Amino acid sequence: MGHIAYLRRKETFSAAHRLHSPHLTEEENKELYGKCNNPNGHGHNYTVEITIRGEA
């Protein structure tokens, strides 16, 4: 039986979005989507961790 090896990686990144419907007025968009309707976008930070396991 061979040895088992692990490779781990952790990354962080940011992403932004804007929720907006052209079928609604500016006020309706603000009321419905709140801070997610910001014209400059609304961001979130994410962390992704992955581990790969296999025989060495």
PDB file of N, CA and C in Angstrom:
ATOM      1  N   MET A   1       0.844  -1.183   0.000  1.00  0.00           N
ATOM      2  CA  MET A   1       0.000   0.000   0.000  1.00  0.00           C
ATOM      3  C   MET A   1       0.891   1.250   0.000  1.00  0.00           C
ATOM      4  N   GLY A   2       0.587   2.234  -0.872  1.00  0.00           N
ATOM      5  CA  GLY A   2       1.386   3.449  -0.980  1.00  0.00           C
ATOM      6  C   GLY A   2       1.036   4.463   0.104  1.00  0.00           C
ATOM      7  N   HIS A   3       1.814   5.499   0.138  1.00  0.00           N
ATOM      8  CA  HIS A   3       1.567   6.588   1.084  1.00  0.00           C
ATOM      9  C   HIS A   3       0.437   7.482   0.556  1.00  0.00           C
ATOM     10  N   ILE A   4      -0.274   8.088   1.480  1.00  0.00           N
ATOM     11  CA  ILE A   4      -1.350   9.016   1.126  1.00  0.00           C
ATOM     12  C   ILE A   4      -0.824  10.442   1.274  1.00  0.00           C
ATOM     13  N   ALA A   5      -1.043  11.260   0.260  1.00  0.00           N
ATOM     14  CA  ALA A   5      -0.615  12.659   0.288  1.00  0.00           C
ATOM     15  C   ALA A   5      -1.847  13.571   0.210  1.00  0.00           C
ATOM     16  N   TYR A   6      -1.735  14.723   0.835  1.00  0.00           N
ATOM     17  CA  TYR A   6      -2.797  15.728   0.825  1.00  0.00           C
ATOM     18  C   TYR A   6      -2.236  17.043   0.305  1.00  0.00           C
ATOM     19  N   LEU A   7      -2.980  17.695  -0.523  1.00  0.00           N
ATOM     20  CA  LEU A   7      -2.629  19.030  -0.998  1.00  0.00           C
ATOM     21  C   LEU A   7      -3.787  19.948  -0.633  1.00  0.00           C
ATOM     22  N   ARG A   8      -3.486  20.990   0.135  1.00  0.00           N
ATOM     23  CA  ARG A   8      -4.520  21.907   0.614  1.00  0.00           C
ATOM     24  C   ARG A   8      -4.260  23.302   0.088  1.00  0.00           C
ATOM     25  N   ARG A   9      -5.346  23.996  -0.258  1.00  0.00           N
ATOM     26  CA  ARG A   9      -5.224  25.381  -0.725  1.00  0.00           C
ATOM     27  C   ARG A   9      -6.391  26.186  -0.172  1.00  0.00           C
ATOM     28  N   LYS A  10      -6.107  27.399   0.279  1.00  0.00           N
ATOM     29  CA  LYS A  10      -7.133  28.295   0.797  1.00  0.00           C
ATOM     30  C   LYS A  10      -6.985  29.632   0.072  1.00  0.00           C
ATOM     31  N   GLU A  11      -8.059  30.124  -0.506  1.00  0.00           N
ATOM     32  CA  GLU A  11      -8.061  31.393  -1.225  1.00  0.00           C
ATOM     33  C   GLU A  11      -9.216  32.256  -0.748  1.00  0.00           C
ATOM     34  N   THR A  12      -9.024  33.552  -0.786  1.00  0.00           N
ATOM     35  CA  THR A  12     -10.104  34.485  -0.487  1.00  0.00           C
ATOM     36  C   THR A  12     -10.280  35.409  -1.692  1.00  0.00           C
ATOM     37  N   PHE A  13     -11.515  35.835  -1.924  1.00  0.00           N
ATOM     38  CA  PHE A  13     -11.776  36.764  -3.012  1.00  0.00           C
ATOM     39  C   PHE A  13     -13.042  37.556  -2.704  1.00  0.00           C
ATOM     40  N   SER A  14     -13.194  38.632  -3.419  1.00  0.00           N
ATOM     41  CA  SER A  14     -14.370  39.486  -3.275  1.00  0.00           C
ATOM     42  C   SER A  14     -15.152  39.475  -4.577  1.00  0.00           C
ATOM     43  N   ALA A  15     -16.465  39.612  -4.455  1.00  0.00           N
ATOM     44  CA  ALA A  15     -17.330  39.682  -5.634  1.00  0.00           C
ATOM     45  C   ALA A  15     -18.443  40.682  -5.333  1.00  0.00           C
ATOM     46  N   ALA A  16     -18.927  41.320  -6.386  1.00  0.00           N
ATOM     47  CA  ALA A  16     -19.987  42.315  -6.209  1.00  0.00           C
ATOM     48  C   ALA A  16     -21.114  42.067  -7.206  1.00  0.00           C
ATOM     49  N   HIS A  17     -22.279  42.578  -6.877  1.00  0.00           N
ATOM     50  CA  HIS A  17     -23.432  42.474  -7.752  1.00  0.00           C
ATOM     51  C   HIS A  17     -24.339  43.675  -7.534  1.00  0.00           C
ATOM     52  N   ARG A  18     -25.272  43.849  -8.437  1.00  0.00           N
ATOM     53  CA  ARG A  18     -26.330  44.840  -8.257  1.00  0.00           C
ATOM     54  C   ARG A  18     -27.626  44.199  -8.722  1.00  0.00           C
ATOM     55  N   LEU A  19     -28.626  44.172  -7.839  1.00  0.00           N
ATOM     56  CA  LEU A  19     -29.947  43.688  -8.204  1.00  0.00           C
ATOM     57  C   LEU A  19     -30.762  44.895  -8.647  1.00  0.00           C
ATOM     58  N   HIS A  20     -31.243  44.844  -9.884  1.00  0.00           N
ATOM     59  CA  HIS A  20     -31.970  45.984 -10.458  1.00  0.00           C
ATOM     60  C   HIS A  20     -32.826  45.493 -11.615  1.00  0.00           C
ATOM     61  N   SER A  21     -34.062  45.934 -11.655  1.00  0.00           N
ATOM     62  CA  SER A  21     -34.958  45.571 -12.750  1.00  0.00           C
ATOM     63  C   SER A  21     -35.297  46.818 -13.565  1.00  0.00           C
ATOM     64  N   PRO A  22     -35.075  46.771 -14.875  1.00  0.00           N
ATOM     65  CA  PRO A  22     -35.434  47.907 -15.720  1.00  0.00           C
ATOM     66  C   PRO A  22     -36.957  48.096 -15.823  1.00  0.00           C
ATOM     67  N   HIS A  23     -37.701  47.112 -15.366  1.00  0.00           N
ATOM     68  CA  HIS A  23     -39.167  47.172 -15.425  1.00  0.00           C
ATOM     69  C   HIS A  23     -39.763  47.895 -14.221  1.00  0.00           C
ATOM     70  N   LEU A  24     -38.924  48.248 -13.250  1.00  0.00           N
ATOM     71  CA  LEU A  24     -39.384  48.947 -12.048  1.00  0.00           C
ATOM     72  C   LEU A  24     -38.814  50.357 -12.021  1.00  0.00           C
ATOM     73  N   THR A  25     -39.453  51.238 -11.252  1.00  0.00           N
ATOM     74  CA  THR A  25     -38.922  52.586 -11.059  1.00  0.00           C
ATOM     75  C   THR A  25     -37.722  52.508 -10.119  1.00  0.00           C
ATOM     76  N   GLU A  26     -36.965  53.608 -10.047  1.00  0.00           N
ATOM     77  CA  GLU A  26     -35.827  53.648  -9.126  1.00  0.00           C
ATOM     78  C   GLU A  26     -36.284  53.411  -7.690  1.00  0.00           C
ATOM     79  N   GLU A  27     -37.397  54.035  -7.301  1.00  0.00           N
ATOM     80  CA  GLU A  27     -37.919  53.860  -5.936  1.00  0.00           C
ATOM     81  C   GLU A  27     -38.349  52.419  -5.682  1.00  0.00           C
ATOM     82  N   GLU A  28     -39.024  51.797  -6.645  1.00  0.00           N
ATOM     83  CA  GLU A  28     -39.450  50.394  -6.487  1.00  0.00           C
ATOM     84  C   GLU A  28     -38.225  49.476  -6.356  1.00  0.00           C
ATOM     85  N   ASN A  29     -37.188  49.732  -7.157  1.00  0.00           N
ATOM     86  CA  ASN A  29     -35.961  48.947  -7.071  1.00  0.00           C
ATOM     87  C   ASN A  29     -35.321  49.100  -5.704  1.00  0.00           C
ATOM     88  N   LYS A  30     -35.238  50.339  -5.198  1.00  0.00           N
ATOM     89  CA  LYS A  30     -34.641  50.579  -3.880  1.00  0.00           C
ATOM     90  C   LYS A  30     -35.440  49.877  -2.783  1.00  0.00           C
ATOM     91  N   GLU A  31     -36.769  49.948  -2.881  1.00  0.00           N
ATOM     92  CA  GLU A  31     -37.620  49.322  -1.861  1.00  0.00           C
ATOM     93  C   GLU A  31     -37.508  47.795  -1.897  1.00  0.00           C
ATOM     94  N   LEU A  32     -37.493  47.235  -3.101  1.00  0.00           N
ATOM     95  CA  LEU A  32     -37.459  45.778  -3.261  1.00  0.00           C
ATOM     96  C   LEU A  32     -36.088  45.181  -2.944  1.00  0.00           C
ATOM     97  N   TYR A  33     -35.013  45.809  -3.435  1.00  0.00           N
ATOM     98  CA  TYR A  33     -33.681  45.227  -3.339  1.00  0.00           C
ATOM     99  C   TYR A  33     -32.790  45.839  -2.259  1.00  0.00           C
ATOM    100  N   GLY A  34     -33.197  46.955  -1.683  1.00  0.00           N
ATOM    101  CA  GLY A  34     -32.432  47.569  -0.598  1.00  0.00           C
ATOM    102  C   GLY A  34     -30.995  47.862  -0.978  1.00  0.00           C
ATOM    103  N   LYS A  35     -30.043  47.520  -0.089  1.00  0.00           N
ATOM    104  CA  LYS A  35     -28.632  47.830  -0.335  1.00  0.00           C
ATOM    105  C   LYS A  35     -28.065  47.081  -1.537  1.00  0.00           C
ATOM    106  N   CYS A  36     -28.725  46.027  -1.967  1.00  0.00           N
ATOM    107  CA  CYS A  36     -28.263  45.284  -3.142  1.00  0.00           C
ATOM    108  C   CYS A  36     -28.555  46.032  -4.444  1.00  0.00           C
ATOM    109  N   ASN A  37     -29.266  47.178  -4.363  1.00  0.00           N
ATOM    110  CA  ASN A  37     -29.572  47.986  -5.540  1.00  0.00           C
ATOM    111  C   ASN A  37     -28.609  49.164  -5.692  1.00  0.00           C
ATOM    112  N   ASN A  38     -27.564  49.230  -4.899  1.00  0.00           N
ATOM    113  CA  ASN A  38     -26.591  50.311  -4.974  1.00  0.00           C
ATOM    114  C   ASN A  38     -26.022  50.405  -6.393  1.00  0.00           C
ATOM    115  N   PRO A  39     -26.068  51.582  -7.037  1.00  0.00           N
ATOM    116  CA  PRO A  39     -25.548  51.728  -8.413  1.00  0.00           C
ATOM    117  C   PRO A  39     -24.077  51.347  -8.548  1.00  0.00           C
ATOM    118  N   ASN A  40     -23.303  51.436  -7.468  1.00  0.00           N
ATOM    119  CA  ASN A  40     -21.886  51.064  -7.509  1.00  0.00           C
ATOM    120  C   ASN A  40     -21.657  49.602  -7.146  1.00  0.00           C
ATOM    121  N   GLY A  41     -22.708  48.864  -6.911  1.00  0.00           N
ATOM    122  CA  GLY A  41     -22.594  47.454  -6.564  1.00  0.00           C
ATOM    123  C   GLY A  41     -22.615  47.222  -5.062  1.00  0.00           C
ATOM    124  N   HIS A  42     -22.814  45.993  -4.695  1.00  0.00           N
ATOM    125  CA  HIS A  42     -22.868  45.547  -3.302  1.00  0.00           C
ATOM    126  C   HIS A  42     -21.984  44.310  -3.228  1.00  0.00           C
ATOM    127  N   GLY A  43     -20.989  44.325  -2.348  1.00  0.00           N
ATOM    128  CA  GLY A  43     -19.994  43.261  -2.359  1.00  0.00           C
ATOM    129  C   GLY A  43     -20.061  42.291  -1.204  1.00  0.00           C
ATOM    130  N   HIS A  44     -19.412  41.164  -1.421  1.00  0.00           N
ATOM    131  CA  HIS A  44     -19.279  40.103  -0.426  1.00  0.00           C
ATOM    132  C   HIS A  44     -17.857  39.558  -0.488  1.00  0.00           C
ATOM    133  N   ASN A  45     -17.358  39.088   0.627  1.00  0.00           N
ATOM    134  CA  ASN A  45     -16.052  38.433   0.686  1.00  0.00           C
ATOM    135  C   ASN A  45     -16.275  36.934   0.879  1.00  0.00           C
ATOM    136  N   TYR A  46     -15.491  36.142   0.179  1.00  0.00           N
ATOM    137  CA  TYR A  46     -15.630  34.689   0.234  1.00  0.00           C
ATOM    138  C   TYR A  46     -14.293  34.042   0.552  1.00  0.00           C
ATOM    139  N   THR A  47     -14.344  32.869   1.165  1.00  0.00           N
ATOM    140  CA  THR A  47     -13.171  32.032   1.393  1.00  0.00           C
ATOM    141  C   THR A  47     -13.479  30.648   0.841  1.00  0.00           C
ATOM    142  N   VAL A  48     -12.554  30.129   0.054  1.00  0.00           N
ATOM    143  CA  VAL A  48     -12.704  28.786  -0.525  1.00  0.00           C
ATOM    144  C   VAL A  48     -11.527  27.950  -0.049  1.00  0.00           C
ATOM    145  N   GLU A  49     -11.812  26.768   0.468  1.00  0.00           N
ATOM    146  CA  GLU A  49     -10.772  25.838   0.896  1.00  0.00           C
ATOM    147  C   GLU A  49     -10.983  24.517   0.161  1.00  0.00           C
ATOM    148  N   ILE A  50      -9.901  23.978  -0.364  1.00  0.00           N
ATOM    149  CA  ILE A  50      -9.998  22.703  -1.075  1.00  0.00           C
ATOM    150  C   ILE A  50      -8.854  21.799  -0.627  1.00  0.00           C
ATOM    151  N   THR A  51      -9.162  20.504  -0.495  1.00  0.00           N
ATOM    152  CA  THR A  51      -8.149  19.496  -0.157  1.00  0.00           C
ATOM    153  C   THR A  51      -8.250  18.377  -1.178  1.00  0.00           C
ATOM    154  N   ILE A  52      -7.104  18.010  -1.727  1.00  0.00           N
ATOM    155  CA  ILE A  52      -7.035  16.901  -2.658  1.00  0.00           C
ATOM    156  C   ILE A  52      -6.233  15.790  -1.983  1.00  0.00           C
ATOM    157  N   ARG A  53      -6.755  14.571  -2.036  1.00  0.00           N
ATOM    158  CA  ARG A  53      -6.128  13.417  -1.389  1.00  0.00           C
ATOM    159  C   ARG A  53      -5.824  12.370  -2.458  1.00  0.00           C
ATOM    160  N   GLY A  54      -4.651  11.794  -2.377  1.00  0.00           N
ATOM    161  CA  GLY A  54      -4.316  10.750  -3.329  1.00  0.00           C
ATOM    162  C   GLY A  54      -3.086   9.988  -2.903  1.00  0.00           C
ATOM    163  N   GLU A  55      -2.791   8.955  -3.646  1.00  0.00           N
ATOM    164  CA  GLU A  55      -1.593   8.161  -3.346  1.00  0.00           C
ATOM    165  C   GLU A  55      -0.365   8.890  -3.850  1.00  0.00           C
ATOM    166  N   ALA A  56       0.660   8.871  -3.027  1.00  0.00           N
ATOM    167  CA  ALA A  56       1.928   9.553  -3.395  1.00  0.00           C
ATOM    168  C   ALA A  56       2.842   8.574  -4.097  1.00  0.00           C
TER     169      ALA A  56
END
